[in-house]
Amino acid sequence: MAKLTVDEAERYKRHLVLRDVGAPGQQKLKAARVLVIGAGGLGSPVLLYLAAAGVGTLGIIDNDTVSIDNLQRQVVHTTAAAGHLKVQSAAETIRQINPHVTIETFPERLTASNAIEIISRFDIVADGSDNFATRYLVSDACYFAKKPLAYAALGALDGYVSIFKPHETRADGAPYPTLRCLFPEAPPAGLVANCSEVGVLGPVAGVIGTLQATETVKEILGIGDSLAGRLLIYDALASRFDTIEISWDEQNPLTGTNATLKDLSSHSATANPACAAE
C-alpha cells in the first residue's frame, strides 16, 4: 500500500491522530477508488468530502452542464462554471481542494450497456442520481459487479441513506438486502414529483450528501456499524433522524430465491442521464 508523502501527512494530520483512522486507514483511503454517480445536489458534498478526506481516485459520471439554478445546492460548482460540463467543473474544484486526488471523468450517460464496465473499475459506488431509472440501474449493476453501493435519495425537505451490498451475507448467512428488497420496482412514471416541480431546500442536499460521504468512508475503512440492512431517514422540518431495518426479501426479482433478473437487459439502453439535478 502506498505510503503517505510529507505533504499528505501534514494535510491529513487530524485523521492520523484519529484512533479509528490513523496511518493505516489513511493509506486505505489513498488506495481507494470511488465512483460518484452525478455531480449535482448529492454528488457535490460527496465529492468535496471524499476529496478532502484523501480518497485516492474519484470517478465522476455526469453528462449534464452547470446551470445557474443548480448553484443553490450543487456546491461543487461556481457561477463561472455555468454552461460547462459538470464533470469538468467538479474536477477543477477537486483539484483546488486536494491535488493528490486522481480524477477520472465520464461525461456521458450511465446506461445498461456501459454500467458494468464503468462500475467494475471502482471499489465502491456513491449514487447521487435524481431519477428512479438510474437508481435501479446503478443498484442492479453494483450487484452484478459485486461492488458496495452508498445509496442516497433526496426529497424536498427530507432524505434517505443506506448501504447496499447484497453480494455479501450477514452473520446468519442471509444476503444483505438490495434496493429491490425495499422497493421491488420503481414507481410508475409521473407518480412521484421531481425536484424541478416541488423544489428542494439546498442545505438538505448537503446533510444527505455528507452522510453519504461518511458512510462511504466507513466502508473503505471498515469501521463502525454499517448502514447495510438499514435505511437512515432525515426529516428536516422535524429535525429528526429515524432508522428502519431492511430485510432480505426472498421474493425480490434480483436476489430472491427465484430471481428473474439475470443481467441488465431489462433496463433501457437509454436510461435517464445520471445528472443528479436535485
Protein backbone atom coordinates (compact mmCIF):
# COMPACT_ATOMS: atom_id res chain seq x y z
CA MET A 1 0.00 0.00 0.00
CA ALA A 2 1.36 3.41 -0.99
CA LYS A 3 2.97 5.42 1.78
CA LEU A 4 1.89 8.96 2.55
CA THR A 5 4.05 11.83 1.39
CA VAL A 6 5.21 14.55 3.77
CA ASP A 7 2.57 16.89 2.35
CA GLU A 8 -0.14 14.27 2.76
CA ALA A 9 0.89 13.60 6.36
CA GLU A 10 0.52 17.31 7.08
CA ARG A 11 -2.77 17.55 5.19
CA TYR A 12 -4.39 14.59 6.93
CA LYS A 13 -2.94 15.04 10.43
CA ARG A 14 -6.42 15.18 12.02
CA HIS A 15 -7.08 11.75 10.53
CA LEU A 16 -3.69 10.40 11.52
CA VAL A 17 -4.31 11.11 15.21
CA LEU A 18 -7.83 9.69 14.99
CA ARG A 19 -7.83 6.23 16.56
CA ASP A 20 -10.25 4.76 14.00
CA VAL A 21 -8.22 6.01 11.03
CA GLY A 22 -4.52 6.54 11.71
CA ALA A 23 -1.82 5.99 9.09
CA PRO A 24 -3.14 2.55 8.01
CA GLY A 25 -6.63 3.96 7.48
CA GLN A 26 -5.35 6.97 5.57
CA GLN A 27 -3.41 4.62 3.32
CA LYS A 28 -6.63 2.71 2.67
CA LEU A 29 -8.31 5.95 1.66
CA LYS A 30 -5.40 6.82 -0.62
CA ALA A 31 -5.66 3.43 -2.33
CA ALA A 32 -9.45 3.56 -2.68
CA ARG A 33 -11.29 4.15 -5.95
CA VAL A 34 -14.80 5.61 -5.60
CA LEU A 35 -17.25 6.26 -8.44
CA VAL A 36 -19.73 9.08 -7.83
CA ILE A 37 -22.85 8.96 -9.98
CA GLY A 38 -23.83 12.56 -10.67
CA ALA A 39 -22.15 15.84 -9.75
CA GLY A 40 -25.31 17.50 -8.52
CA GLY A 41 -27.05 18.12 -5.21
CA LEU A 42 -25.87 14.91 -3.60
CA GLY A 43 -22.73 14.34 -5.62
CA SER A 44 -21.37 17.78 -4.74
CA PRO A 45 -20.86 17.23 -0.98
CA VAL A 46 -19.85 13.61 -1.59
CA LEU A 47 -17.10 14.69 -3.97
CA LEU A 48 -15.94 17.57 -1.77
CA TYR A 49 -15.63 15.48 1.37
CA LEU A 50 -14.15 12.37 -0.27
CA ALA A 51 -11.54 14.56 -1.97
CA ALA A 52 -10.72 16.38 1.26
CA ALA A 53 -10.55 13.06 3.13
CA GLY A 54 -7.88 11.81 0.73
CA VAL A 55 -9.68 9.19 -1.34
CA GLY A 56 -7.04 8.45 -3.96
CA THR A 57 -9.17 8.15 -7.09
CA LEU A 58 -12.57 9.68 -7.71
CA GLY A 59 -14.62 8.83 -10.77
CA ILE A 60 -17.38 11.23 -11.80
CA ILE A 61 -20.06 10.34 -14.32
CA ASP A 62 -22.49 13.02 -15.44
CA ASN A 63 -23.43 14.21 -18.94
CA ASP A 64 -25.11 17.44 -17.82
CA THR A 65 -23.86 21.03 -17.84
CA VAL A 66 -23.93 23.54 -14.98
CA SER A 67 -26.85 25.98 -14.94
CA ILE A 68 -27.41 28.94 -12.64
CA ASP A 69 -30.38 27.29 -10.94
CA ASN A 70 -28.09 24.39 -9.91
CA LEU A 71 -25.94 26.61 -7.71
CA GLN A 72 -28.44 26.89 -4.85
CA ARG A 73 -27.49 23.34 -3.78
CA GLN A 74 -24.79 21.96 -6.10
CA VAL A 75 -21.90 23.43 -4.16
CA VAL A 76 -19.06 21.82 -6.12
CA HIS A 77 -19.77 24.31 -8.93
CA THR A 78 -19.27 28.08 -9.17
CA THR A 79 -21.04 30.81 -11.07
CA ALA A 80 -18.16 30.93 -13.56
CA ALA A 81 -18.80 27.25 -14.39
CA ALA A 82 -22.28 27.89 -15.81
CA GLY A 83 -22.52 26.25 -19.22
CA HIS A 84 -19.56 23.96 -18.59
CA LEU A 85 -19.78 20.19 -18.23
CA LYS A 86 -20.39 19.25 -14.60
CA VAL A 87 -17.63 16.64 -14.64
CA GLN A 88 -15.14 19.30 -15.74
CA SER A 89 -16.37 21.85 -13.23
CA ALA A 90 -16.28 19.33 -10.38
CA ALA A 91 -12.82 18.13 -11.37
CA GLU A 92 -11.47 21.69 -11.31
CA THR A 93 -12.88 22.28 -7.82
CA ILE A 94 -11.48 18.99 -6.54
CA ARG A 95 -8.01 19.83 -7.85
CA GLN A 96 -8.16 23.08 -5.88
CA ILE A 97 -9.16 21.19 -2.72
CA ASN A 98 -6.69 18.33 -2.98
CA PRO A 99 -4.10 17.96 -5.74
CA HIS A 100 -3.28 14.45 -4.54
CA VAL A 101 -6.59 13.07 -5.81
CA THR A 102 -6.70 11.39 -9.22
CA ILE A 103 -9.90 12.24 -11.10
CA GLU A 104 -11.47 10.13 -13.82
CA THR A 105 -14.33 11.82 -15.65
CA PHE A 106 -17.10 10.26 -17.70
CA PRO A 107 -19.10 12.99 -19.50
CA GLU A 108 -21.77 10.52 -20.57
CA ARG A 109 -24.95 8.80 -19.50
CA LEU A 110 -24.83 5.66 -17.42
CA THR A 111 -26.68 3.00 -19.42
CA ALA A 112 -27.25 -0.72 -19.39
CA SER A 113 -24.52 -1.07 -21.99
CA ASN A 114 -21.76 0.72 -20.07
CA ALA A 115 -22.73 0.40 -16.40
CA ILE A 116 -20.93 -2.85 -15.55
CA GLU A 117 -17.76 -1.86 -17.40
CA ILE A 118 -17.52 1.53 -15.65
CA ILE A 119 -18.58 0.39 -12.18
CA SER A 120 -16.16 -2.57 -12.27
CA ARG A 121 -13.23 -0.15 -12.33
CA PHE A 122 -14.01 1.10 -8.83
CA ASP A 123 -14.12 -0.27 -5.28
CA ILE A 124 -17.36 1.39 -4.17
CA VAL A 125 -20.09 3.47 -5.80
CA ALA A 126 -21.87 6.52 -4.33
CA ASP A 127 -25.14 7.14 -6.19
CA GLY A 128 -26.23 10.76 -6.39
CA SER A 129 -28.69 10.35 -9.27
CA ASP A 130 -32.08 12.02 -9.23
CA ASN A 131 -34.30 9.56 -11.12
CA PHE A 132 -35.61 6.09 -10.47
CA ALA A 133 -34.38 4.60 -13.73
CA THR A 134 -30.76 5.40 -12.91
CA ARG A 135 -31.07 4.39 -9.25
CA TYR A 136 -32.32 0.92 -10.16
CA LEU A 137 -29.75 0.58 -12.91
CA VAL A 138 -26.93 1.51 -10.53
CA SER A 139 -28.21 -0.80 -7.81
CA ASP A 140 -28.58 -3.77 -10.14
CA ALA A 141 -25.21 -3.12 -11.80
CA CYS A 142 -23.44 -2.92 -8.42
CA TYR A 143 -24.91 -6.30 -7.52
CA PHE A 144 -23.72 -7.94 -10.72
CA ALA A 145 -20.31 -6.24 -10.43
CA LYS A 146 -20.11 -7.19 -6.72
CA LYS A 147 -19.48 -3.63 -5.59
CA PRO A 148 -20.93 -1.97 -2.46
CA LEU A 149 -23.31 0.92 -3.09
CA ALA A 150 -23.61 4.02 -0.91
CA TYR A 151 -27.21 4.92 -1.68
CA ALA A 152 -28.92 8.25 -1.08
CA ALA A 153 -32.11 9.89 -2.24
CA LEU A 154 -33.29 13.44 -1.69
CA GLY A 155 -36.75 14.88 -1.22
CA ALA A 156 -37.81 18.49 -0.94
CA LEU A 157 -37.24 18.55 2.82
CA ASP A 158 -36.08 15.04 3.62
CA GLY A 159 -33.59 12.42 2.55
CA TYR A 160 -32.56 8.77 2.79
CA VAL A 161 -29.22 7.00 3.10
CA SER A 162 -28.22 3.33 3.12
CA ILE A 163 -25.51 0.90 2.09
CA PHE A 164 -26.40 -1.91 -0.28
CA LYS A 165 -24.05 -4.85 -0.64
CA PRO A 166 -26.31 -7.82 -1.47
CA HIS A 167 -23.38 -9.78 -2.90
CA GLU A 168 -22.30 -10.25 0.74
CA THR A 169 -24.05 -12.16 3.51
CA ARG A 170 -24.95 -11.39 7.11
CA ALA A 171 -23.66 -13.41 10.03
CA ASP A 172 -26.78 -15.62 9.79
CA GLY A 173 -25.99 -16.49 6.18
CA ALA A 174 -28.81 -14.44 4.63
CA PRO A 175 -27.82 -11.97 1.91
CA TYR A 176 -27.77 -8.30 2.72
CA PRO A 177 -30.80 -6.56 1.20
CA THR A 178 -30.76 -4.63 -2.05
CA LEU A 179 -32.79 -1.64 -3.19
CA ARG A 180 -35.32 -4.08 -4.61
CA CYS A 181 -35.90 -5.53 -1.14
CA LEU A 182 -37.03 -2.08 -0.07
CA PHE A 183 -38.91 -1.23 -3.29
CA PRO A 184 -39.15 -4.18 -5.72
CA GLU A 185 -39.90 -1.92 -8.69
CA ALA A 186 -39.71 1.77 -9.50
CA PRO A 187 -42.99 3.69 -9.20
CA PRO A 188 -44.83 4.45 -12.44
CA ALA A 189 -43.58 7.46 -14.34
CA GLY A 190 -45.19 10.70 -13.13
CA LEU A 191 -46.36 9.30 -9.78
CA VAL A 192 -43.58 10.96 -7.78
CA ALA A 193 -42.86 14.62 -8.49
CA ASN A 194 -39.26 15.57 -9.19
CA CYS A 195 -37.30 18.43 -7.67
CA SER A 196 -37.92 20.76 -10.60
CA GLU A 197 -41.63 20.55 -9.77
CA VAL A 198 -41.62 20.71 -5.97
CA GLY A 199 -38.24 22.29 -5.21
CA VAL A 200 -35.60 21.25 -2.70
CA LEU A 201 -34.07 23.06 0.28
CA GLY A 202 -30.39 23.43 -0.57
CA PRO A 203 -28.85 22.59 2.83
CA VAL A 204 -30.82 19.32 2.96
CA ALA A 205 -28.81 18.12 -0.02
CA GLY A 206 -25.69 18.96 1.97
CA VAL A 207 -26.87 16.98 5.00
CA ILE A 208 -27.71 13.87 2.99
CA GLY A 209 -24.64 14.05 0.77
CA THR A 210 -22.37 14.47 3.78
CA LEU A 211 -23.94 11.43 5.44
CA GLN A 212 -23.46 9.50 2.20
CA ALA A 213 -19.79 10.52 2.12
CA THR A 214 -19.39 9.46 5.75
CA GLU A 215 -20.85 6.02 5.07
CA THR A 216 -18.58 5.66 2.03
CA VAL A 217 -15.50 6.42 4.13
CA LYS A 218 -16.66 3.98 6.82
CA GLU A 219 -16.98 1.23 4.21
CA ILE A 220 -13.49 1.93 2.89
CA LEU A 221 -12.00 1.88 6.38
CA GLY A 222 -14.16 -0.98 7.66
CA ILE A 223 -15.10 0.90 10.82
CA GLY A 224 -18.29 1.42 12.81
CA ASP A 225 -21.74 0.00 12.20
CA SER A 226 -22.57 -0.14 8.52
CA LEU A 227 -25.95 1.03 7.25
CA ALA A 228 -26.17 -2.22 5.29
CA GLY A 229 -29.58 -3.62 6.20
CA ARG A 230 -30.81 -0.26 7.49
CA LEU A 231 -32.29 2.89 5.97
CA LEU A 232 -31.49 6.23 7.61
CA ILE A 233 -34.27 8.81 7.18
CA TYR A 234 -33.84 12.53 7.76
CA ASP A 235 -36.80 14.87 8.25
CA ALA A 236 -35.52 18.45 8.06
CA LEU A 237 -38.74 20.12 9.24
CA ALA A 238 -38.96 17.94 12.33
CA SER A 239 -35.17 18.00 12.90
CA ARG A 240 -35.33 14.24 13.30
CA PHE A 241 -33.43 11.16 12.20
CA ASP A 242 -35.03 7.72 12.11
CA THR A 243 -33.61 4.35 11.15
CA ILE A 244 -35.60 1.39 9.88
CA GLU A 245 -34.42 -2.16 9.33
CA ILE A 246 -34.39 -3.61 5.82
CA SER A 247 -34.54 -7.39 5.50
CA TRP A 248 -33.64 -9.52 2.53
CA ASP A 249 -36.82 -10.22 0.57
CA GLU A 250 -36.64 -13.73 -0.82
CA GLN A 251 -39.28 -12.71 -3.37
CA ASN A 252 -37.34 -9.77 -4.80
CA PRO A 253 -36.58 -10.14 -8.52
CA LEU A 254 -32.83 -9.51 -8.25
CA THR A 255 -31.53 -11.65 -5.39
CA GLY A 256 -34.61 -13.64 -4.36
CA THR A 257 -34.82 -17.41 -4.37
CA ASN A 258 -36.48 -17.31 -7.79
CA ALA A 259 -34.72 -14.27 -9.20
CA THR A 260 -35.80 -13.24 -12.69
CA LEU A 261 -33.18 -10.51 -13.26
CA LYS A 262 -30.03 -12.18 -14.50
CA ASP A 263 -28.42 -9.18 -16.21
CA LEU A 264 -29.15 -5.55 -17.11
CA SER A 265 -31.18 -6.32 -20.22
CA SER A 266 -34.39 -5.19 -18.52
CA HIS A 267 -33.00 -1.65 -18.35
CA SER A 268 -33.37 0.61 -21.33
CA ALA A 269 -30.10 1.28 -23.14
CA THR A 270 -31.05 4.95 -22.97
CA ALA A 271 -31.65 5.23 -19.25
CA ASN A 272 -32.15 8.73 -17.92
CA PRO A 273 -28.92 10.69 -17.53
CA ALA A 274 -27.18 10.40 -14.20
CA CYS A 275 -27.30 14.15 -13.71
CA ALA A 276 -28.33 14.30 -10.04
CA ALA A 277 -30.09 17.59 -10.58
CA GLU A 278 -31.71 17.85 -7.16
